[in-house]
Amino acid sequence: MSHVVVIGAHGKVALHLVPLLVGRGDRVSAVIRNPDHADELRALGADPVVADVEELDTAALTELLGNHDAVVWSAGAGGGNPARTRAVDRDAAIRSMDAAAAAGVKRYVMVSYIGSRTDHGVAEDDPFFAYAEAKAAADEHLRSTDLDWTVLGPGPLTDDNPTGKVEVVDPGRGRVSRADVAAVAAAALVEPATIGRTIAFGNGEVPIETALRQS
């Protein structure tokens, strides 16, 4: 059993992830900003932790992450506000990585997106630009750390039913269900072959556990 902290636990992917972790016996600390969501997370078997990661400094995040075995970052500002996107998707994410290192929490899984890279090609006048920049910066920072990191890059998200199958070798810009993204995150946490890798994926024909061992 691992003690996993899920940051952004009321997000659409995380709400699939939490019960997967609980169901296999992990203890889950579900970090949420809105206290009104606590009962919902508690009903899923998690321990709700009300904290606004946008406002917490590295020291406070270090205290929050202490005594955990792994971190899953699944938080996001939701787009629409470039300043808040930078504050959450870049700055708070980076602080959480530094805090994980300070707290001795080595395992860190980042839920990113398939196009996250410094040469993302998004035009500055595109509303998506701030998000692309923020995610690229956060992911690059994670790769520079000594954490046992994994960056997950799912394609465009859907609300389709989970298939349990993905494609990682040639994902293109394959669409993928949020439920399958959650399953990939859960599997990645316990698959050593994912450490130190950026894994782009979409739905496909390969069982998730097998796909994550492919290079």
N, C-alpha and C. Protein backbone atom coordinates (compact mmCIF):
# COMPACT_ATOMS: atom_id res chain seq x y z
N MET A 1 0.85 -1.20 0.00
CA MET A 1 0.00 0.00 0.00
C MET A 1 0.87 1.24 0.00
N SER A 2 0.55 2.19 -0.86
CA SER A 2 1.25 3.46 -0.90
C SER A 2 0.35 4.57 -0.40
N HIS A 3 0.98 5.63 0.07
CA HIS A 3 0.24 6.82 0.49
C HIS A 3 0.47 7.87 -0.59
N VAL A 4 -0.56 8.12 -1.39
CA VAL A 4 -0.46 8.97 -2.57
C VAL A 4 -1.21 10.27 -2.33
N VAL A 5 -0.60 11.39 -2.69
CA VAL A 5 -1.31 12.67 -2.63
C VAL A 5 -1.65 13.07 -4.06
N VAL A 6 -2.93 13.31 -4.30
CA VAL A 6 -3.43 13.73 -5.61
C VAL A 6 -3.77 15.20 -5.52
N ILE A 7 -3.05 16.02 -6.25
CA ILE A 7 -3.27 17.47 -6.24
C ILE A 7 -4.21 17.81 -7.39
N GLY A 8 -5.31 18.49 -7.05
CA GLY A 8 -6.35 18.74 -8.04
C GLY A 8 -7.32 17.58 -8.08
N ALA A 9 -7.67 17.07 -6.90
CA ALA A 9 -8.38 15.80 -6.80
C ALA A 9 -9.84 15.86 -7.23
N HIS A 10 -10.38 17.06 -7.44
CA HIS A 10 -11.77 17.15 -7.91
C HIS A 10 -11.83 17.39 -9.42
N GLY A 11 -10.69 17.32 -10.10
CA GLY A 11 -10.70 17.44 -11.55
C GLY A 11 -11.31 16.21 -12.20
N LYS A 12 -11.61 16.33 -13.49
CA LYS A 12 -12.34 15.25 -14.18
C LYS A 12 -11.51 13.97 -14.29
N VAL A 13 -10.20 14.10 -14.48
CA VAL A 13 -9.34 12.91 -14.51
C VAL A 13 -9.17 12.36 -13.10
N ALA A 14 -8.90 13.24 -12.15
CA ALA A 14 -8.64 12.80 -10.78
C ALA A 14 -9.83 12.09 -10.15
N LEU A 15 -11.04 12.49 -10.51
CA LEU A 15 -12.22 11.82 -9.95
C LEU A 15 -12.33 10.38 -10.44
N HIS A 16 -11.68 10.05 -11.56
CA HIS A 16 -11.56 8.65 -11.98
C HIS A 16 -10.38 7.98 -11.28
N LEU A 17 -9.31 8.77 -11.06
CA LEU A 17 -8.09 8.21 -10.49
C LEU A 17 -8.24 7.81 -9.03
N VAL A 18 -8.86 8.66 -8.24
CA VAL A 18 -8.95 8.42 -6.79
C VAL A 18 -9.55 7.05 -6.48
N PRO A 19 -10.71 6.68 -7.05
CA PRO A 19 -11.25 5.36 -6.71
C PRO A 19 -10.40 4.20 -7.20
N LEU A 20 -9.64 4.40 -8.29
CA LEU A 20 -8.73 3.35 -8.75
C LEU A 20 -7.64 3.10 -7.70
N LEU A 21 -7.08 4.17 -7.16
CA LEU A 21 -6.04 4.04 -6.15
C LEU A 21 -6.59 3.43 -4.87
N VAL A 22 -7.72 3.94 -4.43
CA VAL A 22 -8.34 3.42 -3.21
C VAL A 22 -8.69 1.95 -3.39
N GLY A 23 -9.20 1.61 -4.56
CA GLY A 23 -9.63 0.25 -4.82
C GLY A 23 -8.50 -0.76 -4.77
N ARG A 24 -7.29 -0.34 -5.06
CA ARG A 24 -6.17 -1.29 -5.00
C ARG A 24 -5.45 -1.24 -3.65
N GLY A 25 -5.97 -0.44 -2.73
CA GLY A 25 -5.44 -0.44 -1.37
C GLY A 25 -4.57 0.73 -1.00
N ASP A 26 -4.39 1.68 -1.91
CA ASP A 26 -3.60 2.86 -1.57
C ASP A 26 -4.39 3.79 -0.66
N ARG A 27 -3.66 4.50 0.17
CA ARG A 27 -4.25 5.59 0.94
C ARG A 27 -4.08 6.86 0.12
N VAL A 28 -5.15 7.63 -0.03
CA VAL A 28 -5.13 8.80 -0.91
C VAL A 28 -5.46 10.06 -0.14
N SER A 29 -4.54 11.03 -0.20
CA SER A 29 -4.82 12.39 0.27
C SER A 29 -5.27 13.19 -0.93
N ALA A 30 -6.50 13.67 -0.89
CA ALA A 30 -7.11 14.36 -2.04
C ALA A 30 -7.08 15.86 -1.79
N VAL A 31 -6.16 16.55 -2.46
CA VAL A 31 -6.00 18.00 -2.26
C VAL A 31 -7.00 18.73 -3.14
N ILE A 32 -7.84 19.53 -2.50
CA ILE A 32 -8.89 20.28 -3.19
C ILE A 32 -8.89 21.71 -2.68
N ARG A 33 -9.33 22.62 -3.55
CA ARG A 33 -9.40 24.03 -3.17
C ARG A 33 -10.73 24.36 -2.51
N ASN A 34 -11.80 23.71 -2.96
CA ASN A 34 -13.15 24.03 -2.52
C ASN A 34 -13.59 23.05 -1.44
N PRO A 35 -13.83 23.52 -0.22
CA PRO A 35 -14.25 22.61 0.85
C PRO A 35 -15.58 21.92 0.57
N ASP A 36 -16.38 22.48 -0.32
CA ASP A 36 -17.66 21.86 -0.66
C ASP A 36 -17.48 20.51 -1.35
N HIS A 37 -16.27 20.24 -1.85
CA HIS A 37 -16.02 18.98 -2.55
C HIS A 37 -15.52 17.87 -1.62
N ALA A 38 -15.34 18.21 -0.35
CA ALA A 38 -14.72 17.25 0.58
C ALA A 38 -15.56 15.99 0.74
N ASP A 39 -16.86 16.14 0.89
CA ASP A 39 -17.71 14.97 1.12
C ASP A 39 -17.67 14.02 -0.08
N GLU A 40 -17.62 14.59 -1.28
CA GLU A 40 -17.57 13.75 -2.48
C GLU A 40 -16.29 12.92 -2.52
N LEU A 41 -15.16 13.54 -2.17
CA LEU A 41 -13.90 12.80 -2.15
C LEU A 41 -13.87 11.78 -1.02
N ARG A 42 -14.45 12.16 0.10
CA ARG A 42 -14.51 11.23 1.23
C ARG A 42 -15.34 10.00 0.86
N ALA A 43 -16.41 10.22 0.11
CA ALA A 43 -17.25 9.10 -0.32
C ALA A 43 -16.52 8.16 -1.26
N LEU A 44 -15.51 8.67 -1.95
CA LEU A 44 -14.70 7.84 -2.84
C LEU A 44 -13.60 7.09 -2.09
N GLY A 45 -13.49 7.36 -0.79
CA GLY A 45 -12.51 6.66 0.03
C GLY A 45 -11.24 7.42 0.29
N ALA A 46 -11.18 8.68 -0.16
CA ALA A 46 -9.97 9.49 0.03
C ALA A 46 -10.06 10.31 1.32
N ASP A 47 -8.91 10.83 1.72
CA ASP A 47 -8.85 11.77 2.84
C ASP A 47 -8.76 13.17 2.25
N PRO A 48 -9.84 13.95 2.28
CA PRO A 48 -9.79 15.29 1.67
C PRO A 48 -8.86 16.22 2.43
N VAL A 49 -8.09 17.01 1.68
CA VAL A 49 -7.21 18.02 2.25
C VAL A 49 -7.52 19.33 1.54
N VAL A 50 -8.10 20.27 2.27
CA VAL A 50 -8.46 21.55 1.66
C VAL A 50 -7.25 22.47 1.69
N ALA A 51 -6.75 22.82 0.51
CA ALA A 51 -5.57 23.68 0.40
C ALA A 51 -5.54 24.29 -0.99
N ASP A 52 -5.25 25.55 -1.07
CA ASP A 52 -5.15 26.25 -2.35
C ASP A 52 -3.68 26.29 -2.75
N VAL A 53 -3.28 25.39 -3.65
CA VAL A 53 -1.86 25.30 -4.00
C VAL A 53 -1.37 26.55 -4.71
N GLU A 54 -2.28 27.33 -5.26
CA GLU A 54 -1.88 28.60 -5.88
C GLU A 54 -1.32 29.57 -4.84
N GLU A 55 -1.80 29.43 -3.61
CA GLU A 55 -1.41 30.37 -2.56
C GLU A 55 -0.29 29.84 -1.66
N LEU A 56 -0.06 28.55 -1.65
CA LEU A 56 0.93 27.97 -0.74
C LEU A 56 2.35 28.16 -1.28
N ASP A 57 3.26 28.57 -0.40
CA ASP A 57 4.66 28.66 -0.82
C ASP A 57 5.31 27.28 -0.71
N THR A 58 6.58 27.21 -1.08
CA THR A 58 7.26 25.91 -1.12
C THR A 58 7.31 25.27 0.26
N ALA A 59 7.54 26.07 1.29
CA ALA A 59 7.61 25.52 2.64
C ALA A 59 6.28 24.90 3.05
N ALA A 60 5.19 25.59 2.75
CA ALA A 60 3.87 25.06 3.11
C ALA A 60 3.55 23.80 2.30
N LEU A 61 3.95 23.79 1.04
CA LEU A 61 3.73 22.60 0.22
C LEU A 61 4.59 21.44 0.71
N THR A 62 5.80 21.74 1.17
CA THR A 62 6.66 20.69 1.71
C THR A 62 5.99 20.02 2.91
N GLU A 63 5.40 20.82 3.77
CA GLU A 63 4.69 20.27 4.93
C GLU A 63 3.49 19.44 4.48
N LEU A 64 2.79 19.92 3.44
CA LEU A 64 1.61 19.22 2.93
C LEU A 64 1.98 17.85 2.36
N LEU A 65 3.10 17.80 1.65
CA LEU A 65 3.47 16.57 0.95
C LEU A 65 4.22 15.58 1.83
N GLY A 66 4.69 16.01 2.97
CA GLY A 66 5.43 15.12 3.85
C GLY A 66 4.65 13.88 4.23
N ASN A 67 5.36 12.78 4.46
CA ASN A 67 4.77 11.51 4.87
C ASN A 67 3.93 10.85 3.77
N HIS A 68 4.17 11.23 2.53
CA HIS A 68 3.55 10.54 1.40
C HIS A 68 4.63 9.78 0.62
N ASP A 69 4.17 8.83 -0.17
CA ASP A 69 5.09 8.05 -1.00
C ASP A 69 5.15 8.55 -2.43
N ALA A 70 4.12 9.25 -2.87
CA ALA A 70 4.06 9.68 -4.27
C ALA A 70 3.12 10.87 -4.41
N VAL A 71 3.38 11.65 -5.45
CA VAL A 71 2.55 12.81 -5.80
C VAL A 71 2.01 12.61 -7.22
N VAL A 72 0.74 12.88 -7.40
CA VAL A 72 0.17 13.00 -8.74
C VAL A 72 -0.35 14.42 -8.89
N TRP A 73 0.20 15.15 -9.86
CA TRP A 73 -0.29 16.50 -10.15
C TRP A 73 -1.35 16.39 -11.24
N SER A 74 -2.59 16.71 -10.87
CA SER A 74 -3.69 16.69 -11.83
C SER A 74 -4.49 17.97 -11.72
N ALA A 75 -3.82 19.04 -11.25
CA ALA A 75 -4.49 20.33 -11.07
C ALA A 75 -4.30 21.19 -12.31
N GLY A 76 -5.16 22.18 -12.44
CA GLY A 76 -5.04 23.13 -13.54
C GLY A 76 -5.97 24.30 -13.32
N ALA A 77 -5.61 25.41 -13.89
CA ALA A 77 -6.42 26.62 -13.73
C ALA A 77 -7.67 26.60 -14.59
N GLY A 78 -7.70 25.69 -15.57
CA GLY A 78 -8.89 25.58 -16.40
C GLY A 78 -8.92 26.49 -17.60
N GLY A 79 -7.84 27.24 -17.83
CA GLY A 79 -7.79 28.12 -18.99
C GLY A 79 -8.63 29.37 -18.81
N GLY A 80 -8.52 30.26 -19.77
CA GLY A 80 -9.34 31.46 -19.78
C GLY A 80 -8.72 32.66 -19.10
N ASN A 81 -7.80 32.44 -18.17
CA ASN A 81 -7.15 33.53 -17.46
C ASN A 81 -5.65 33.28 -17.49
N PRO A 82 -4.92 33.96 -18.39
CA PRO A 82 -3.49 33.68 -18.54
C PRO A 82 -2.70 33.84 -17.25
N ALA A 83 -3.01 34.86 -16.45
CA ALA A 83 -2.26 35.07 -15.22
C ALA A 83 -2.46 33.90 -14.25
N ARG A 84 -3.70 33.44 -14.13
CA ARG A 84 -3.95 32.33 -13.21
C ARG A 84 -3.41 31.03 -13.79
N THR A 85 -3.44 30.88 -15.09
CA THR A 85 -2.84 29.70 -15.72
C THR A 85 -1.36 29.62 -15.38
N ARG A 86 -0.66 30.74 -15.49
CA ARG A 86 0.77 30.74 -15.13
C ARG A 86 0.95 30.46 -13.65
N ALA A 87 0.06 31.01 -12.82
CA ALA A 87 0.19 30.85 -11.37
C ALA A 87 -0.01 29.41 -10.93
N VAL A 88 -0.93 28.71 -11.57
CA VAL A 88 -1.24 27.33 -11.16
C VAL A 88 -0.43 26.32 -11.96
N ASP A 89 -0.61 26.34 -13.29
CA ASP A 89 -0.04 25.28 -14.14
C ASP A 89 1.48 25.36 -14.23
N ARG A 90 2.04 26.53 -14.00
CA ARG A 90 3.49 26.66 -14.01
C ARG A 90 4.04 26.82 -12.60
N ASP A 91 3.72 27.94 -11.95
CA ASP A 91 4.39 28.30 -10.70
C ASP A 91 4.07 27.34 -9.56
N ALA A 92 2.78 27.06 -9.34
CA ALA A 92 2.41 26.16 -8.25
C ALA A 92 2.91 24.74 -8.52
N ALA A 93 2.84 24.33 -9.78
CA ALA A 93 3.34 23.00 -10.11
C ALA A 93 4.83 22.89 -9.81
N ILE A 94 5.59 23.89 -10.20
CA ILE A 94 7.04 23.87 -9.95
C ILE A 94 7.32 23.88 -8.45
N ARG A 95 6.58 24.69 -7.70
CA ARG A 95 6.77 24.68 -6.24
C ARG A 95 6.49 23.30 -5.65
N SER A 96 5.48 22.62 -6.20
CA SER A 96 5.15 21.30 -5.67
C SER A 96 6.27 20.30 -5.93
N MET A 97 6.96 20.45 -7.06
CA MET A 97 8.10 19.57 -7.36
C MET A 97 9.25 19.82 -6.39
N ASP A 98 9.54 21.10 -6.18
CA ASP A 98 10.59 21.45 -5.22
C ASP A 98 10.22 20.99 -3.82
N ALA A 99 8.94 21.09 -3.49
CA ALA A 99 8.47 20.66 -2.18
C ALA A 99 8.57 19.14 -2.04
N ALA A 100 8.24 18.41 -3.10
CA ALA A 100 8.36 16.95 -3.05
C ALA A 100 9.80 16.55 -2.78
N ALA A 101 10.72 17.22 -3.46
CA ALA A 101 12.14 16.93 -3.24
C ALA A 101 12.54 17.24 -1.80
N ALA A 102 12.09 18.38 -1.30
CA ALA A 102 12.44 18.78 0.08
C ALA A 102 11.83 17.83 1.10
N ALA A 103 10.66 17.29 0.79
CA ALA A 103 9.97 16.40 1.73
C ALA A 103 10.43 14.95 1.60
N GLY A 104 11.28 14.67 0.62
CA GLY A 104 11.75 13.31 0.42
C GLY A 104 10.75 12.40 -0.25
N VAL A 105 9.82 12.99 -0.98
CA VAL A 105 8.82 12.21 -1.73
C VAL A 105 9.34 12.06 -3.16
N LYS A 106 9.92 10.92 -3.47
CA LYS A 106 10.64 10.77 -4.73
C LYS A 106 9.73 10.59 -5.95
N ARG A 107 8.63 9.91 -5.79
CA ARG A 107 7.80 9.56 -6.97
C ARG A 107 6.86 10.70 -7.29
N TYR A 108 6.89 11.14 -8.55
CA TYR A 108 6.07 12.28 -8.97
C TYR A 108 5.55 12.01 -10.38
N VAL A 109 4.24 11.97 -10.52
CA VAL A 109 3.61 11.77 -11.82
C VAL A 109 2.85 13.04 -12.20
N MET A 110 3.21 13.60 -13.34
CA MET A 110 2.58 14.81 -13.86
C MET A 110 1.59 14.45 -14.96
N VAL A 111 0.35 14.86 -14.79
CA VAL A 111 -0.64 14.72 -15.87
C VAL A 111 -0.55 15.98 -16.72
N SER A 112 0.04 15.85 -17.90
CA SER A 112 0.24 16.98 -18.79
C SER A 112 -0.65 16.80 -20.03
N TYR A 113 -0.13 17.11 -21.21
CA TYR A 113 -0.91 16.88 -22.43
C TYR A 113 0.07 16.57 -23.56
N ILE A 114 -0.44 16.03 -24.63
CA ILE A 114 0.40 15.44 -25.66
C ILE A 114 1.31 16.46 -26.37
N GLY A 115 0.91 17.72 -26.40
CA GLY A 115 1.70 18.71 -27.12
C GLY A 115 2.65 19.51 -26.26
N SER A 116 2.83 19.11 -25.00
CA SER A 116 3.65 19.91 -24.08
C SER A 116 5.13 19.77 -24.40
N ARG A 117 5.70 20.85 -24.90
CA ARG A 117 7.13 20.92 -25.18
C ARG A 117 7.48 22.38 -25.39
N THR A 118 8.74 22.72 -25.25
CA THR A 118 9.13 24.12 -25.35
C THR A 118 8.88 24.68 -26.74
N ASP A 119 8.99 23.84 -27.78
CA ASP A 119 8.70 24.29 -29.14
C ASP A 119 7.29 23.89 -29.55
N HIS A 120 6.33 24.24 -28.70
CA HIS A 120 4.94 23.81 -28.89
C HIS A 120 4.29 24.39 -30.13
N GLY A 121 4.79 25.50 -30.63
CA GLY A 121 4.27 26.06 -31.88
C GLY A 121 2.96 26.81 -31.77
N VAL A 122 2.48 27.05 -30.55
CA VAL A 122 1.23 27.79 -30.37
C VAL A 122 1.53 29.29 -30.49
N ALA A 123 0.78 29.98 -31.32
CA ALA A 123 0.99 31.41 -31.55
C ALA A 123 0.67 32.22 -30.30
N GLU A 124 1.39 33.32 -30.12
CA GLU A 124 1.20 34.14 -28.92
C GLU A 124 -0.20 34.73 -28.82
N ASP A 125 -0.86 34.92 -29.95
CA ASP A 125 -2.21 35.49 -29.90
C ASP A 125 -3.29 34.41 -29.78
N ASP A 126 -2.87 33.17 -29.64
CA ASP A 126 -3.81 32.07 -29.44
C ASP A 126 -4.16 31.99 -27.96
N PRO A 127 -5.45 31.86 -27.61
CA PRO A 127 -5.83 31.76 -26.19
C PRO A 127 -5.17 30.59 -25.47
N PHE A 128 -4.70 29.60 -26.22
CA PHE A 128 -4.07 28.42 -25.63
C PHE A 128 -2.60 28.66 -25.29
N PHE A 129 -2.05 29.80 -25.72
CA PHE A 129 -0.61 30.05 -25.60
C PHE A 129 -0.14 30.01 -24.15
N ALA A 130 -0.86 30.67 -23.24
CA ALA A 130 -0.43 30.71 -21.84
C ALA A 130 -0.36 29.32 -21.24
N TYR A 131 -1.33 28.49 -21.58
CA TYR A 131 -1.34 27.11 -21.06
C TYR A 131 -0.17 26.32 -21.64
N ALA A 132 0.05 26.44 -22.94
CA ALA A 132 1.15 25.72 -23.58
C ALA A 132 2.49 26.12 -22.97
N GLU A 133 2.68 27.40 -22.74
CA GLU A 133 3.91 27.89 -22.13
C GLU A 133 4.07 27.38 -20.69
N ALA A 134 2.97 27.45 -19.94
CA ALA A 134 3.02 27.05 -18.54
C ALA A 134 3.33 25.57 -18.39
N LYS A 135 2.65 24.74 -19.17
CA LYS A 135 2.88 23.30 -19.06
C LYS A 135 4.28 22.93 -19.52
N ALA A 136 4.76 23.57 -20.58
CA ALA A 136 6.12 23.28 -21.05
C ALA A 136 7.14 23.61 -19.99
N ALA A 137 6.98 24.74 -19.33
CA ALA A 137 7.93 25.15 -18.29
C ALA A 137 7.88 24.20 -17.10
N ALA A 138 6.68 23.82 -16.68
CA ALA A 138 6.55 22.93 -15.54
C ALA A 138 7.14 21.55 -15.85
N ASP A 139 6.84 21.04 -17.03
CA ASP A 139 7.35 19.71 -17.39
C ASP A 139 8.87 19.71 -17.51
N GLU A 140 9.42 20.78 -18.07
CA GLU A 140 10.88 20.88 -18.18
C GLU A 140 11.53 20.95 -16.80
N HIS A 141 10.90 21.66 -15.89
CA HIS A 141 11.45 21.74 -14.54
C HIS A 141 11.44 20.36 -13.89
N LEU A 142 10.35 19.63 -14.06
CA LEU A 142 10.26 18.30 -13.48
C LEU A 142 11.37 17.40 -14.01
N ARG A 143 11.62 17.48 -15.31
CA ARG A 143 12.66 16.63 -15.91
C ARG A 143 14.05 16.98 -15.38
N SER A 144 14.22 18.20 -14.89
CA SER A 144 15.53 18.63 -14.39
C SER A 144 15.78 18.22 -12.95
N THR A 145 14.77 17.68 -12.28
CA THR A 145 14.90 17.32 -10.87
C THR A 145 15.49 15.92 -10.72
N ASP A 146 15.79 15.57 -9.47
CA ASP A 146 16.24 14.23 -9.15
C ASP A 146 15.10 13.33 -8.70
N LEU A 147 13.88 13.79 -8.88
CA LEU A 147 12.72 12.98 -8.53
C LEU A 147 12.59 11.79 -9.47
N ASP A 148 11.87 10.78 -9.04
CA ASP A 148 11.51 9.66 -9.92
C ASP A 148 10.24 10.09 -10.67
N TRP A 149 10.45 10.84 -11.74
CA TRP A 149 9.34 11.52 -12.39
C TRP A 149 8.83 10.76 -13.61
N THR A 150 7.57 11.01 -13.90
CA THR A 150 6.94 10.59 -15.16
C THR A 150 6.04 11.72 -15.62
N VAL A 151 6.16 12.10 -16.89
CA VAL A 151 5.26 13.08 -17.49
C VAL A 151 4.32 12.33 -18.42
N LEU A 152 3.03 12.43 -18.17
CA LEU A 152 2.03 11.79 -19.01
C LEU A 152 1.45 12.81 -19.98
N GLY A 153 1.46 12.46 -21.26
CA GLY A 153 0.97 13.36 -22.30
C GLY A 153 -0.21 12.79 -23.06
N PRO A 154 -1.40 12.80 -22.46
CA PRO A 154 -2.56 12.28 -23.18
C PRO A 154 -2.97 13.19 -24.34
N GLY A 155 -3.58 12.59 -25.35
CA GLY A 155 -4.15 13.36 -26.44
C GLY A 155 -5.44 14.04 -26.01
N PRO A 156 -6.19 14.61 -26.95
CA PRO A 156 -7.44 15.29 -26.61
C PRO A 156 -8.37 14.39 -25.80
N LEU A 157 -8.92 14.97 -24.73
CA LEU A 157 -9.67 14.18 -23.76
C LEU A 157 -11.14 14.04 -24.14
N THR A 158 -11.68 12.86 -23.85
CA THR A 158 -13.10 12.60 -24.07
C THR A 158 -13.72 12.08 -22.78
N ASP A 159 -15.04 12.02 -22.77
CA ASP A 159 -15.76 11.42 -21.64
C ASP A 159 -16.25 10.02 -21.99
N ASP A 160 -15.61 9.39 -22.97
CA ASP A 160 -15.98 8.03 -23.35
C ASP A 160 -15.71 7.06 -22.22
N ASN A 161 -16.32 5.89 -22.31
CA ASN A 161 -16.07 4.85 -21.32
C ASN A 161 -14.62 4.37 -21.42
N PRO A 162 -14.06 3.89 -20.32
CA PRO A 162 -12.69 3.40 -20.36
C PRO A 162 -12.58 2.14 -21.21
N THR A 163 -11.44 2.01 -21.89
CA THR A 163 -11.18 0.83 -22.70
C THR A 163 -10.09 -0.05 -22.09
N GLY A 164 -9.24 0.55 -21.25
CA GLY A 164 -8.11 -0.18 -20.70
C GLY A 164 -6.99 -0.39 -21.69
N LYS A 165 -7.09 0.28 -22.86
CA LYS A 165 -6.09 0.10 -23.91
C LYS A 165 -5.65 1.45 -24.46
N VAL A 166 -4.35 1.57 -24.74
CA VAL A 166 -3.80 2.81 -25.27
C VAL A 166 -2.75 2.51 -26.32
N GLU A 167 -2.23 3.56 -26.92
CA GLU A 167 -1.12 3.48 -27.86
C GLU A 167 -0.08 4.49 -27.43
N VAL A 168 1.15 4.04 -27.19
CA VAL A 168 2.21 4.95 -26.77
C VAL A 168 3.34 5.04 -27.79
N VAL A 169 3.44 4.07 -28.68
CA VAL A 169 4.55 4.07 -29.63
C VAL A 169 4.32 5.08 -30.75
N ASP A 170 3.09 5.15 -31.26
CA ASP A 170 2.77 6.08 -32.34
C ASP A 170 1.38 6.67 -32.08
N PRO A 171 1.26 7.50 -31.02
CA PRO A 171 -0.06 7.97 -30.63
C PRO A 171 -0.64 9.06 -31.53
N GLY A 172 0.21 9.71 -32.35
CA GLY A 172 -0.28 10.83 -33.13
C GLY A 172 -0.87 11.88 -32.21
N ARG A 173 -2.08 12.28 -32.51
CA ARG A 173 -2.83 13.14 -31.59
C ARG A 173 -4.09 12.42 -31.16
N GLY A 174 -3.92 11.12 -30.88
CA GLY A 174 -5.05 10.26 -30.57
C GLY A 174 -5.87 10.73 -29.40
N ARG A 175 -7.17 10.70 -29.56
CA ARG A 175 -8.07 11.02 -28.47
C ARG A 175 -8.01 9.92 -27.42
N VAL A 176 -8.34 10.28 -26.19
CA VAL A 176 -8.28 9.31 -25.10
C VAL A 176 -9.29 9.70 -24.03
N SER A 177 -9.94 8.71 -23.46
CA SER A 177 -10.94 9.00 -22.43
C SER A 177 -10.26 9.40 -21.13
N ARG A 178 -10.91 10.28 -20.41
CA ARG A 178 -10.38 10.70 -19.11
C ARG A 178 -10.22 9.51 -18.17
N ALA A 179 -11.14 8.56 -18.26
CA ALA A 179 -11.04 7.37 -17.42
C ALA A 179 -9.78 6.58 -17.73
N ASP A 180 -9.42 6.49 -19.01
CA ASP A 180 -8.20 5.78 -19.37
C ASP A 180 -6.95 6.57 -18.97
N VAL A 181 -7.01 7.90 -19.01
CA VAL A 181 -5.89 8.70 -18.51
C VAL A 181 -5.66 8.38 -17.03
N ALA A 182 -6.75 8.31 -16.28
CA ALA A 182 -6.64 7.98 -14.86
C ALA A 182 -6.02 6.59 -14.67
N ALA A 183 -6.43 5.65 -15.49
CA ALA A 183 -5.88 4.30 -15.39
C ALA A 183 -4.40 4.28 -15.73
N VAL A 184 -4.00 5.08 -16.71
CA VAL A 184 -2.58 5.18 -17.05
C VAL A 184 -1.80 5.77 -15.87
N ALA A 185 -2.34 6.82 -15.26
CA ALA A 185 -1.65 7.43 -14.12
C ALA A 185 -1.51 6.43 -12.97
N ALA A 186 -2.56 5.69 -12.69
CA ALA A 186 -2.51 4.70 -11.62
C ALA A 186 -1.47 3.63 -11.92
N ALA A 187 -1.45 3.15 -13.16
CA ALA A 187 -0.50 2.12 -13.53
C ALA A 187 0.93 2.65 -13.53
N ALA A 188 1.11 3.88 -13.98
CA ALA A 188 2.45 4.47 -14.05
C ALA A 188 3.07 4.59 -12.66
N LEU A 189 2.26 4.88 -11.67
CA LEU A 189 2.78 5.04 -10.31
C LEU A 189 3.55 3.81 -9.83
N VAL A 190 3.15 2.64 -10.29
CA VAL A 190 3.76 1.40 -9.79
C VAL A 190 4.58 0.67 -10.85
N GLU A 191 4.78 1.31 -12.01
CA GLU A 191 5.56 0.68 -13.08
C GLU A 191 6.93 1.36 -13.17
N PRO A 192 7.99 0.71 -12.71
CA PRO A 192 9.31 1.34 -12.73
C PRO A 192 9.77 1.76 -14.13
N ALA A 193 9.27 1.10 -15.16
CA ALA A 193 9.70 1.42 -16.52
C ALA A 193 9.24 2.80 -16.97
N THR A 194 8.34 3.43 -16.22
CA THR A 194 7.87 4.77 -16.60
C THR A 194 8.70 5.88 -15.98
N ILE A 195 9.59 5.55 -15.06
CA ILE A 195 10.36 6.57 -14.38
C ILE A 195 11.36 7.22 -15.35
N GLY A 196 11.40 8.54 -15.32
CA GLY A 196 12.30 9.28 -16.20
C GLY A 196 11.85 9.33 -17.63
N ARG A 197 10.55 9.14 -17.87
CA ARG A 197 10.03 9.13 -19.23
C ARG A 197 8.87 10.10 -19.39
N THR A 198 8.78 10.66 -20.59
CA THR A 198 7.61 11.42 -21.02
C THR A 198 6.84 10.50 -21.95
N ILE A 199 5.59 10.22 -21.61
CA ILE A 199 4.82 9.22 -22.32
C ILE A 199 3.60 9.88 -22.96
N ALA A 200 3.66 10.05 -24.28
CA ALA A 200 2.50 10.54 -25.03
C ALA A 200 1.63 9.34 -25.39
N PHE A 201 0.32 9.52 -25.32
CA PHE A 201 -0.55 8.38 -25.60
C PHE A 201 -1.95 8.82 -25.99
N GLY A 202 -2.61 7.93 -26.67
CA GLY A 202 -4.03 8.05 -26.99
C GLY A 202 -4.64 6.67 -26.85
N ASN A 203 -5.94 6.55 -27.01
CA ASN A 203 -6.54 5.24 -26.97
C ASN A 203 -6.04 4.40 -28.15
N GLY A 204 -5.89 3.12 -27.91
CA GLY A 204 -5.37 2.23 -28.92
C GLY A 204 -5.79 0.80 -28.66
N GLU A 205 -4.88 -0.14 -28.95
CA GLU A 205 -5.22 -1.55 -28.85
C GLU A 205 -4.34 -2.32 -27.87
N VAL A 206 -3.45 -1.62 -27.16
CA VAL A 206 -2.50 -2.29 -26.26
C VAL A 206 -2.96 -2.11 -24.81
N PRO A 207 -3.06 -3.20 -24.05
CA PRO A 207 -3.41 -3.05 -22.63
C PRO A 207 -2.46 -2.07 -21.94
N ILE A 208 -3.00 -1.25 -21.06
CA ILE A 208 -2.23 -0.16 -20.45
C ILE A 208 -0.94 -0.65 -19.81
N GLU A 209 -1.03 -1.70 -19.02
CA GLU A 209 0.18 -2.17 -18.32
C GLU A 209 1.27 -2.58 -19.30
N THR A 210 0.87 -3.20 -20.43
CA THR A 210 1.85 -3.59 -21.45
C THR A 210 2.40 -2.37 -22.16
N ALA A 211 1.51 -1.44 -22.49
CA ALA A 211 1.94 -0.24 -23.22
C ALA A 211 2.96 0.57 -22.45
N LEU A 212 2.79 0.64 -21.13
CA LEU A 212 3.71 1.45 -20.34
C LEU A 212 5.11 0.85 -20.24
N ARG A 213 5.24 -0.40 -20.58
CA ARG A 213 6.57 -1.02 -20.60
C ARG A 213 7.23 -0.91 -21.96
N GLN A 214 6.49 -0.38 -22.95
CA GLN A 214 7.06 -0.19 -24.27
C GLN A 214 7.85 1.11 -24.30
N SER A 215 8.86 1.17 -25.19
CA SER A 215 9.65 2.39 -25.31
C SER A 215 9.53 2.95 -26.73
